[in-house]
Amino acid sequence: MKRFLLPAIICLSLHTFAQQTNVHGRVIVTPDHRYLQYEDGTPFFWLGDTGWELFHRLDEKETSQYLDDRAKKGFTVIQAVLLAEFNGLGKPDRYGEVPLLDMNPERPNERYFERVDRIVQEAGAKGLIMGLLPTWGDKVTLLWGEGPVVFNAANAYTYGLFLGRRYAKQENIIWILGGDRPPVKDSLDWRQIWRAMAKGIREGTGQKALITYHISGGMNSTSQYLQQEEWLDINTMQSGHGSGHDAPVWEWIARDRSLQPVKPTLDAEPNYEDHPVNPWPKWDPANGYFRDHDVRKQLYRSVFAGACGVTYGHHAVWQFFSLREEVVNHADRYWTEALDRPGAQQAGYLRKLILSRPSLGRIPDDSLITEGQGTAGMHMSAYKGAEGSYAMIYLPVGKSINVNTKRLAAKELHGWWFNPRNGSVTDIGKKIGRSVLSLVPPETGGEHDWVLVLDDEKKGYNTPGAAAGIKQ
C-alpha cells in the first residue's frame, strides 16, 4: 500500500512527544566553563560509549540489551548516529525504514524517527544521555566513506530545525555534529553547513540545546577550527586508533584548556578496545590490538589532565558486528561477546572514582609529582580538588613516586591506592604532610597501573570509588 506523508514541517506540528523526567534537569556547562553539571548543580561526568550504528543495525530487543548493559556499567552518554556511516541513507534499518525519503534532508521519514523517539525515551528511563549525531560526516563532505553528500547550508538548517523541535522537551540529549570529519581542510570549508545545522537545532529547542562536534582522528581538536563558534559548547578531540600507543592526549587537553573563550573539552574517541594498533588505513592485526591497559591509560590521563569526561569504545560494539554484518577493520569478536570486555567495566570505575570526591573545579597539577614522572607510556597525570583538599595521581605503570604535598592544603593526609583494573582500594593510612612524600604501590611494573589518592584527613571522604548516587 502506498503511504502518503505530510510535509515534514506539518508532521512536526502534529507530533506530540512525552517529556522525559529527570530530577536533575538538563546537562549544562558549569559556571567556570570547565566541566559539566545538571541544571540543579549536580556534577555530570561524561562517560561515553560509541554505539555509532545503533539506530541502523539493531532491532529493539538488541537495543534494550545494549542500553541495559551500558547503564549497569556506569556509562552516562551513548554516542549514536541518525544518518549512519555504512550506507545509512540507502540501506534500511531492521524494520525496513530509511531515515530520509529520497535521501532528502528536508523529508525525514516519520516511521524511522518514531523508533528513534522510543530509543531516546528508553535511554532516558535508564539514566542515559543520548549523544545524537544528526548525520555522519560523509553526508556533508566526501573526503572518504560512502556518502552521498546531501547537505548544503539551507537543508542543513531545515533538518536541524526538525530535530530541535521534535526533541525540544527531551532532556537527555546532547547534540554532536561532525561525524568523524574535519570542518575545514586546506581550502575547503564546511563550517557554514554545520553552523546552519546548529542554528536550526538551537532555534528548534528554544536555545536549550547543548552542542559539540565529533572531529576526525589525529592531533586534531575542534578548538583548532571552531573555538570561536558561538554554537560550540564543548571542545572534543579524537586521540583514536591511528596514532599508535600513548598519543599525548594529556597535552591536547592542556592546550584546549588554555584557550579563550574557555570551554569544556574531552577525548570523544580514544583507542578502541580490541582494535588493531597500526596506522590507518592498513589496520593489520599482525601488529597487535589495543587491549584494556591501553584503554585505561588514555581514559585516565585525559580526565586527570582536566577533561570534563571521556568516551570509551569497543571495536566490535561501535559497528555492532554480528553474523548479519560484514566485519570492519578486523574486529575479532561479535558485539554481544564484546559487551563484557574488561575495558568496558573498568571505564565505569573511573566515573565512580571521580565522583567520589568534589569533582567540579578540579585543577590539573602534574607538579604534584616531584620524582617518578615518565614519558609516553610511563607518563603520569595528576590533579587536585579546587580547594586542595585532595589529590589524585594516575600511574600507568606501578613504580615508586615522590609527591609534593605542599601543593595541598592539609597538614595531615589520608592515603589510598585505587586499582583501576578491578576497582579495589588499599588503605595506606594517615600520612603527615611534608615537603615530599615517597610511596610505592602494592604491585609494581608492567600493566599494574594505579591511582594514588591523598585526602585531607579532616574531610572524612568516603573510600575512593564509593560515589554517592551512582547505581552499582
Protein backbone atom coordinates (compact mmCIF):
# COMPACT_ATOMS: atom_id res chain seq x y z
CA MET A 1 0.00 0.00 0.00
CA LYS A 2 1.34 3.38 -0.93
CA ARG A 3 1.94 5.68 2.04
CA PHE A 4 1.34 9.41 1.80
CA LEU A 5 3.31 11.59 4.20
CA LEU A 6 2.53 15.12 5.23
CA PRO A 7 5.32 17.64 4.66
CA ALA A 8 7.90 17.45 7.41
CA ILE A 9 7.05 20.79 8.95
CA ILE A 10 3.33 19.85 9.25
CA CYS A 11 4.15 16.43 10.68
CA LEU A 12 6.27 18.22 13.19
CA SER A 13 3.48 20.47 14.39
CA LEU A 14 1.21 17.44 14.91
CA HIS A 15 3.86 15.40 16.67
CA THR A 16 3.49 15.18 20.43
CA PHE A 17 6.39 13.97 22.48
CA ALA A 18 6.42 12.80 26.07
CA GLN A 19 8.87 14.76 28.17
CA GLN A 20 11.47 12.61 29.85
CA THR A 21 11.54 13.17 33.58
CA ASN A 22 14.93 13.99 35.02
CA VAL A 23 15.04 15.13 38.62
CA HIS A 24 18.31 16.96 37.98
CA GLY A 25 17.27 18.70 34.75
CA ARG A 26 19.33 19.06 31.60
CA VAL A 27 23.11 18.81 31.31
CA ILE A 28 24.71 22.25 31.08
CA VAL A 29 28.20 23.76 31.22
CA THR A 30 29.47 24.73 34.69
CA PRO A 31 29.78 28.44 35.57
CA ASP A 32 33.59 28.24 35.19
CA HIS A 33 33.11 26.71 31.69
CA ARG A 34 35.47 23.82 32.51
CA TYR A 35 33.12 20.95 33.31
CA LEU A 36 29.52 19.75 33.06
CA GLN A 37 26.68 19.64 35.55
CA TYR A 38 22.93 19.20 35.68
CA GLU A 39 20.72 22.26 35.94
CA ASP A 40 20.32 21.75 39.69
CA GLY A 41 24.11 21.86 40.17
CA THR A 42 24.69 18.10 40.46
CA PRO A 43 28.03 17.17 38.80
CA PHE A 44 27.76 15.34 35.49
CA PHE A 45 30.65 13.21 34.29
CA TRP A 46 30.61 12.37 30.58
CA LEU A 47 31.42 8.67 30.32
CA GLY A 48 30.57 7.91 26.73
CA ASP A 49 30.30 4.75 24.68
CA THR A 50 30.40 4.71 20.89
CA GLY A 51 27.27 2.98 19.68
CA TRP A 52 27.53 4.66 16.29
CA GLU A 53 25.40 2.18 14.27
CA LEU A 54 22.74 1.62 16.94
CA PHE A 55 19.75 3.05 15.03
CA HIS A 56 20.85 1.47 11.77
CA ARG A 57 21.79 -2.10 12.74
CA LEU A 58 19.95 -3.14 15.92
CA ASP A 59 16.38 -4.23 16.48
CA GLU A 60 14.53 -3.05 19.57
CA LYS A 61 15.32 -6.15 21.67
CA GLU A 62 19.02 -5.79 20.87
CA THR A 63 18.86 -2.08 21.59
CA SER A 64 17.42 -2.74 25.04
CA GLN A 65 20.13 -5.31 25.71
CA TYR A 66 22.82 -2.81 24.78
CA LEU A 67 21.35 0.12 26.75
CA ASP A 68 20.77 -2.06 29.81
CA ASP A 69 24.37 -3.21 29.77
CA ARG A 70 25.87 0.24 29.38
CA ALA A 71 23.66 1.74 32.08
CA LYS A 72 24.62 -1.02 34.54
CA LYS A 73 28.31 -0.46 33.83
CA GLY A 74 28.03 3.23 34.69
CA PHE A 75 28.10 4.88 31.27
CA THR A 76 26.28 8.20 31.02
CA VAL A 77 26.39 9.07 27.28
CA ILE A 78 25.62 6.87 24.26
CA GLN A 79 27.03 8.32 21.04
CA ALA A 80 24.88 7.21 18.10
CA VAL A 81 24.25 8.45 14.55
CA LEU A 82 20.85 9.21 12.99
CA LEU A 83 22.14 9.11 9.39
CA ALA A 84 24.62 6.27 9.76
CA GLU A 85 28.02 5.73 8.20
CA PHE A 86 27.56 2.47 6.28
CA ASN A 87 25.06 3.23 3.52
CA GLY A 88 22.94 4.88 6.17
CA LEU A 89 20.73 6.63 3.64
CA GLY A 90 20.14 3.68 1.30
CA LYS A 91 20.20 0.57 3.50
CA PRO A 92 17.08 0.32 5.69
CA ASP A 93 17.16 -0.28 9.43
CA ARG A 94 15.99 -3.58 10.96
CA TYR A 95 12.36 -2.59 10.29
CA GLY A 96 12.77 -1.69 6.64
CA GLU A 97 12.89 2.07 7.13
CA VAL A 98 15.39 4.61 5.82
CA PRO A 99 15.82 7.91 7.68
CA LEU A 100 15.16 10.24 4.74
CA LEU A 101 12.70 9.92 1.88
CA ASP A 102 14.51 10.22 -1.45
CA MET A 103 17.72 10.92 0.54
CA ASN A 104 16.36 14.42 1.11
CA PRO A 105 17.20 16.06 4.47
CA GLU A 106 14.01 18.08 4.16
CA ARG A 107 11.92 14.88 4.02
CA PRO A 108 12.60 12.89 7.21
CA ASN A 109 10.83 9.51 7.37
CA GLU A 110 8.31 9.65 10.21
CA ARG A 111 8.38 5.90 10.80
CA TYR A 112 12.14 5.87 11.18
CA PHE A 113 12.08 8.74 13.65
CA GLU A 114 9.25 7.20 15.66
CA ARG A 115 11.69 4.42 16.52
CA VAL A 116 14.38 6.98 17.35
CA ASP A 117 11.85 8.57 19.71
CA ARG A 118 11.33 5.31 21.56
CA ILE A 119 15.06 4.65 21.90
CA VAL A 120 15.77 8.14 23.24
CA GLN A 121 12.98 7.76 25.77
CA GLU A 122 14.16 4.28 26.79
CA ALA A 123 17.70 5.60 27.26
CA GLY A 124 16.36 8.40 29.43
CA ALA A 125 14.44 5.95 31.58
CA LYS A 126 17.72 4.11 32.19
CA GLY A 127 19.52 7.31 33.18
CA LEU A 128 21.43 7.65 29.90
CA ILE A 129 22.07 10.77 27.84
CA MET A 130 21.93 10.23 24.09
CA GLY A 131 24.83 11.91 22.29
CA LEU A 132 22.97 12.24 19.00
CA LEU A 133 24.83 12.82 15.76
CA PRO A 134 22.36 14.27 13.24
CA THR A 135 24.49 12.74 10.46
CA TRP A 136 27.81 11.05 9.80
CA GLY A 137 30.23 13.48 8.19
CA ASP A 138 30.31 11.82 4.78
CA LYS A 139 26.85 13.25 4.08
CA VAL A 140 28.41 16.72 4.30
CA THR A 141 31.83 16.11 2.77
CA LEU A 142 33.06 13.02 0.94
CA LEU A 143 36.72 13.14 1.94
CA TRP A 144 36.36 9.37 2.37
CA GLY A 145 33.47 7.00 3.03
CA GLU A 146 30.30 6.13 1.14
CA GLY A 147 28.25 9.32 1.23
CA PRO A 148 26.39 10.52 -0.70
CA VAL A 149 26.75 14.20 0.09
CA VAL A 150 23.22 15.50 0.59
CA PHE A 151 23.64 18.58 2.76
CA ASN A 152 24.00 22.23 1.98
CA ALA A 153 23.52 25.19 4.32
CA ALA A 154 19.83 25.58 3.50
CA ASN A 155 18.68 22.00 4.06
CA ALA A 156 21.07 21.56 7.00
CA TYR A 157 19.18 24.35 8.76
CA THR A 158 15.81 22.78 7.92
CA TYR A 159 16.94 19.35 9.15
CA GLY A 160 18.42 20.84 12.32
CA LEU A 161 15.17 22.72 12.98
CA PHE A 162 13.20 19.49 12.52
CA LEU A 163 15.39 17.68 15.04
CA GLY A 164 15.41 20.55 17.51
CA ARG A 165 11.64 20.91 17.51
CA ARG A 166 10.99 17.20 17.64
CA TYR A 167 13.19 16.68 20.70
CA ALA A 168 12.79 20.09 22.33
CA LYS A 169 11.25 18.64 25.50
CA GLN A 170 13.56 15.65 25.74
CA GLU A 171 16.15 16.46 28.38
CA ASN A 172 18.51 13.52 27.83
CA ILE A 173 20.13 14.68 24.58
CA ILE A 174 23.48 16.24 23.78
CA TRP A 175 23.86 17.07 20.08
CA ILE A 176 27.10 16.05 18.35
CA LEU A 177 27.74 17.46 14.88
CA GLY A 178 30.66 16.46 12.66
CA GLY A 179 30.67 12.70 12.36
CA ASP A 180 34.41 11.96 12.10
CA ARG A 181 35.19 14.73 9.63
CA PRO A 182 37.16 17.99 9.90
CA PRO A 183 35.09 21.16 9.46
CA VAL A 184 37.94 22.66 7.39
CA LYS A 185 40.56 21.04 5.18
CA ASP A 186 43.03 23.09 3.17
CA SER A 187 40.95 25.50 1.07
CA LEU A 188 37.70 23.60 1.71
CA ASP A 189 35.43 24.90 4.45
CA TRP A 190 32.19 23.22 5.54
CA ARG A 191 31.61 25.33 8.64
CA GLN A 192 28.70 27.17 7.06
CA ILE A 193 26.81 23.86 6.79
CA TRP A 194 27.48 22.82 10.39
CA ARG A 195 26.72 26.36 11.53
CA ALA A 196 23.36 26.23 9.80
CA MET A 197 22.53 22.82 11.29
CA ALA A 198 23.45 24.04 14.77
CA LYS A 199 21.32 27.15 14.27
CA GLY A 200 18.32 25.01 13.36
CA ILE A 201 18.80 22.76 16.41
CA ARG A 202 19.20 25.74 18.72
CA GLU A 203 16.12 27.50 17.38
CA GLY A 204 14.08 24.31 17.50
CA THR A 205 14.93 23.69 21.15
CA GLY A 206 14.34 27.25 22.26
CA GLN A 207 18.12 27.76 22.69
CA LYS A 208 18.32 24.88 25.20
CA ALA A 209 20.47 22.53 23.13
CA LEU A 210 23.95 21.54 24.30
CA ILE A 211 26.08 21.07 21.17
CA THR A 212 29.53 19.69 20.44
CA TYR A 213 31.32 18.24 17.39
CA HIS A 214 32.97 14.85 16.69
CA ILE A 215 36.14 15.55 14.77
CA SER A 216 38.35 13.17 12.78
CA GLY A 217 41.35 11.43 14.36
CA GLY A 218 44.92 12.55 14.79
CA MET A 219 46.23 15.61 16.57
CA ASN A 220 43.04 17.48 15.70
CA SER A 221 40.72 19.23 18.11
CA THR A 222 37.58 21.21 17.46
CA SER A 223 39.42 24.09 19.13
CA GLN A 224 41.60 24.46 16.03
CA TYR A 225 38.63 25.24 13.79
CA LEU A 226 35.58 26.01 15.91
CA GLN A 227 36.83 27.69 19.08
CA GLN A 228 35.15 30.99 18.25
CA GLU A 229 31.87 29.42 17.09
CA GLU A 230 29.12 30.52 19.46
CA TRP A 231 27.17 27.30 18.98
CA LEU A 232 30.04 25.02 20.10
CA ASP A 233 29.62 24.37 23.83
CA ILE A 234 32.22 21.60 24.30
CA ASN A 235 35.52 21.01 22.53
CA THR A 236 36.39 17.44 21.59
CA MET A 237 39.34 15.58 20.15
CA GLN A 238 39.89 12.06 18.83
CA SER A 239 43.19 10.59 20.00
CA GLY A 240 41.92 7.50 18.22
CA HIS A 241 43.49 4.36 16.83
CA GLY A 242 45.81 5.64 14.12
CA SER A 243 48.44 7.31 16.29
CA GLY A 244 49.85 4.14 17.81
CA HIS A 245 50.27 3.70 21.54
CA ASP A 246 50.17 6.55 24.04
CA ALA A 247 49.14 9.52 21.91
CA PRO A 248 49.86 12.52 24.19
CA VAL A 249 46.21 13.32 24.81
CA TRP A 250 47.11 15.00 28.11
CA GLU A 251 48.95 17.67 26.11
CA TRP A 252 45.97 18.21 23.83
CA ILE A 253 43.63 18.60 26.79
CA ALA A 254 46.00 21.16 28.33
CA ARG A 255 46.14 23.02 25.01
CA ASP A 256 42.36 23.29 24.82
CA ARG A 257 42.07 24.39 28.44
CA SER A 258 44.44 27.30 27.78
CA LEU A 259 42.26 28.86 25.09
CA GLN A 260 39.73 31.67 25.17
CA PRO A 261 36.78 31.59 25.38
CA VAL A 262 37.04 28.83 27.98
CA LYS A 263 35.14 25.67 27.03
CA PRO A 264 35.00 22.16 28.47
CA THR A 265 36.98 19.62 26.48
CA LEU A 266 37.22 15.83 26.23
CA ASP A 267 38.57 12.96 24.16
CA ALA A 268 35.43 11.74 22.38
CA GLU A 269 37.15 8.77 20.73
CA PRO A 270 40.34 7.31 22.24
CA ASN A 271 41.74 3.96 21.12
CA TYR A 272 39.02 1.32 20.93
CA GLU A 273 39.48 -1.83 22.95
CA ASP A 274 40.33 -4.76 20.62
CA HIS A 275 41.10 -2.50 17.64
CA PRO A 276 44.24 -3.12 15.52
CA VAL A 277 47.04 -0.81 16.60
CA ASN A 278 48.82 0.14 13.42
CA PRO A 279 48.12 3.33 11.44
CA TRP A 280 45.04 3.93 9.28
CA PRO A 281 44.11 2.67 6.73
CA LYS A 282 46.08 -0.60 6.94
CA TRP A 283 44.86 -1.89 10.31
CA ASP A 284 46.90 -5.09 10.11
CA PRO A 285 46.07 -7.27 13.15
CA ALA A 286 49.51 -8.86 12.88
CA ASN A 287 50.77 -5.75 14.66
CA GLY A 288 48.55 -6.37 17.65
CA TYR A 289 45.39 -4.92 19.17
CA PHE A 290 44.71 -2.26 21.78
CA ARG A 291 43.71 -4.04 24.99
CA ASP A 292 42.31 -2.88 28.29
CA HIS A 293 45.55 -1.43 29.68
CA ASP A 294 45.95 0.71 26.56
CA VAL A 295 42.39 1.92 27.02
CA ARG A 296 42.76 2.71 30.72
CA LYS A 297 45.91 4.75 30.16
CA GLN A 298 44.20 7.09 27.71
CA LEU A 299 40.94 7.37 29.65
CA TYR A 300 42.60 8.26 32.93
CA ARG A 301 45.29 10.55 31.58
CA SER A 302 42.89 12.71 29.59
CA VAL A 303 40.48 13.08 32.51
CA PHE A 304 43.22 13.77 35.05
CA ALA A 305 44.60 16.40 32.65
CA GLY A 306 41.35 18.33 33.04
CA ALA A 307 38.80 16.88 30.62
CA CYS A 308 35.10 17.07 31.51
CA GLY A 309 34.80 13.34 30.82
CA VAL A 310 35.86 10.81 28.23
CA THR A 311 34.45 8.25 25.80
CA TYR A 312 35.22 4.54 25.83
CA GLY A 313 34.76 2.48 22.68
CA HIS A 314 34.93 -1.14 21.62
CA HIS A 315 35.78 -2.03 18.04
CA ALA A 316 33.02 -4.63 17.67
CA VAL A 317 30.39 -2.64 19.56
CA TRP A 318 30.54 0.62 17.62
CA GLN A 319 29.79 -1.27 14.40
CA PHE A 320 27.57 -3.87 16.12
CA PHE A 321 29.38 -6.63 14.28
CA SER A 322 27.31 -9.82 14.06
CA LEU A 323 26.51 -12.64 11.65
CA ARG A 324 24.29 -10.17 9.79
CA GLU A 325 27.03 -7.64 9.08
CA GLU A 326 30.29 -7.56 7.17
CA VAL A 327 33.22 -7.04 9.52
CA VAL A 328 35.00 -3.66 9.51
CA ASN A 329 38.76 -3.47 10.12
CA HIS A 330 39.32 -6.92 11.60
CA ALA A 331 37.01 -6.91 14.60
CA ASP A 332 37.89 -10.09 16.48
CA ARG A 333 34.52 -10.93 18.11
CA TYR A 334 30.79 -10.18 17.86
CA TRP A 335 29.35 -7.19 19.69
CA THR A 336 27.39 -9.32 22.14
CA GLU A 337 30.65 -11.00 23.20
CA ALA A 338 32.39 -7.64 23.44
CA LEU A 339 29.97 -6.07 25.91
CA ASP A 340 31.78 -7.58 28.88
CA ARG A 341 35.33 -6.92 27.80
CA PRO A 342 37.41 -5.68 30.76
CA GLY A 343 37.87 -2.14 29.47
CA ALA A 344 34.13 -1.51 29.49
CA GLN A 345 33.79 -2.50 33.13
CA GLN A 346 36.91 -0.57 34.07
CA ALA A 347 35.63 2.62 32.42
CA GLY A 348 32.83 2.66 34.98
CA TYR A 349 35.37 2.56 37.82
CA LEU A 350 36.82 5.83 36.54
CA ARG A 351 33.49 7.64 36.80
CA LYS A 352 32.90 6.33 40.31
CA LEU A 353 36.36 7.43 41.36
CA ILE A 354 35.97 10.97 40.01
CA LEU A 355 32.56 11.44 41.62
CA SER A 356 33.71 10.09 44.97
CA ARG A 357 35.34 13.47 45.62
CA PRO A 358 34.15 17.05 44.91
CA SER A 359 34.61 16.88 41.15
CA LEU A 360 33.70 20.34 39.85
CA GLY A 361 36.51 22.84 39.75
CA ARG A 362 39.25 20.21 39.86
CA ILE A 363 42.67 21.51 38.85
CA PRO A 364 45.24 19.59 36.73
CA ASP A 365 48.58 19.72 38.52
CA ASP A 366 51.45 17.46 37.40
CA SER A 367 53.76 19.46 39.67
CA LEU A 368 52.47 17.22 42.45
CA ILE A 369 54.91 14.64 41.02
CA THR A 370 58.45 15.53 42.07
CA GLU A 371 60.08 12.22 41.13
CA GLY A 372 58.98 9.23 39.05
CA GLN A 373 57.43 11.09 36.14
CA GLY A 374 57.98 9.44 32.77
CA THR A 375 57.18 9.98 29.11
CA ALA A 376 54.83 8.30 26.61
CA GLY A 377 53.55 5.06 28.17
CA MET A 378 55.14 5.99 31.52
CA HIS A 379 53.63 9.49 31.70
CA MET A 380 51.64 10.15 34.89
CA SER A 381 48.77 12.64 35.16
CA ALA A 382 47.70 14.37 38.36
CA TYR A 383 45.04 16.75 39.60
CA LYS A 384 43.78 18.20 42.85
CA GLY A 385 40.48 19.44 44.21
CA ALA A 386 39.55 23.08 43.82
CA GLU A 387 40.49 23.86 47.42
CA GLY A 388 43.45 21.48 47.59
CA SER A 389 41.57 19.13 49.90
CA TYR A 390 42.56 16.04 47.90
CA ALA A 391 44.72 14.90 45.00
CA MET A 392 44.72 12.00 42.57
CA ILE A 393 47.68 10.79 40.52
CA TYR A 394 47.41 8.16 37.80
CA LEU A 395 50.43 5.86 37.42
CA PRO A 396 50.23 3.92 34.13
CA VAL A 397 52.93 1.55 35.42
CA GLY A 398 53.41 0.55 39.05
CA LYS A 399 56.53 2.31 40.36
CA SER A 400 57.74 4.47 43.23
CA ILE A 401 56.62 8.08 43.27
CA ASN A 402 57.53 11.20 45.23
CA VAL A 403 54.72 13.67 45.85
CA ASN A 404 54.99 17.37 46.70
CA THR A 405 52.40 17.63 49.45
CA LYS A 406 52.90 21.39 49.72
CA ARG A 407 50.61 21.59 46.71
CA LEU A 408 47.76 20.53 49.03
CA ALA A 409 46.09 22.47 51.81
CA ALA A 410 46.11 19.79 54.52
CA LYS A 411 48.82 19.08 57.06
CA GLU A 412 47.55 15.57 57.75
CA LEU A 413 46.70 13.37 54.79
CA HIS A 414 44.98 10.03 54.34
CA GLY A 415 46.33 7.90 51.51
CA TRP A 416 44.81 5.23 49.33
CA TRP A 417 45.83 3.15 46.35
CA PHE A 418 42.92 2.71 43.93
CA ASN A 419 43.17 -0.20 41.49
CA PRO A 420 41.70 0.84 38.09
CA ARG A 421 41.75 -2.81 36.92
CA ASN A 422 39.15 -4.02 39.41
CA GLY A 423 38.01 -1.01 41.44
CA SER A 424 39.52 -2.27 44.70
CA VAL A 425 41.14 0.05 47.25
CA THR A 426 44.15 -0.35 49.53
CA ASP A 427 44.11 1.92 52.59
CA ILE A 428 47.62 3.21 53.33
CA GLY A 429 46.51 5.23 56.35
CA LYS A 430 47.44 8.62 57.66
CA LYS A 431 50.46 10.46 56.39
CA ILE A 432 51.87 13.65 57.82
CA GLY A 433 52.08 16.29 55.15
CA ARG A 434 55.66 17.30 54.48
CA SER A 435 57.56 18.66 51.52
CA VAL A 436 57.96 15.26 49.81
CA LEU A 437 56.06 12.02 50.41
CA SER A 438 57.60 8.83 48.97
CA LEU A 439 55.24 5.96 48.15
CA VAL A 440 55.26 2.62 46.32
CA PRO A 441 52.05 0.92 45.09
CA PRO A 442 51.09 -2.61 46.23
CA GLU A 443 52.22 -4.12 42.91
CA THR A 444 54.84 -2.72 40.56
CA GLY A 445 55.81 -2.96 36.91
CA GLY A 446 54.11 -3.97 33.68
CA GLU A 447 50.40 -3.39 33.42
CA HIS A 448 49.94 -2.73 37.14
CA ASP A 449 48.54 0.78 36.84
CA TRP A 450 47.33 2.59 39.96
CA VAL A 451 45.74 5.79 41.20
CA LEU A 452 47.21 7.39 44.30
CA VAL A 453 44.57 9.28 46.27
CA LEU A 454 45.60 11.72 49.01
CA ASP A 455 42.85 13.29 51.13
CA ASP A 456 42.69 15.94 53.79
CA GLU A 457 42.17 13.70 56.83
CA LYS A 458 39.75 16.21 58.35
CA LYS A 459 37.36 15.98 55.39
CA GLY A 460 36.44 12.37 56.12
CA TYR A 461 35.89 11.45 52.49
CA ASN A 462 34.47 8.04 51.63
CA THR A 463 36.60 5.24 50.23
CA PRO A 464 37.74 6.24 46.70
CA GLY A 465 35.26 4.97 44.13
CA ALA A 466 32.34 4.92 46.57
CA ALA A 467 30.46 7.71 44.86
CA ALA A 468 27.12 8.61 46.36
CA GLY A 469 24.21 8.44 43.95
CA ILE A 470 25.81 6.10 41.43
CA LYS A 471 23.97 2.87 40.83
CA GLN A 472 26.13 -0.17 41.41
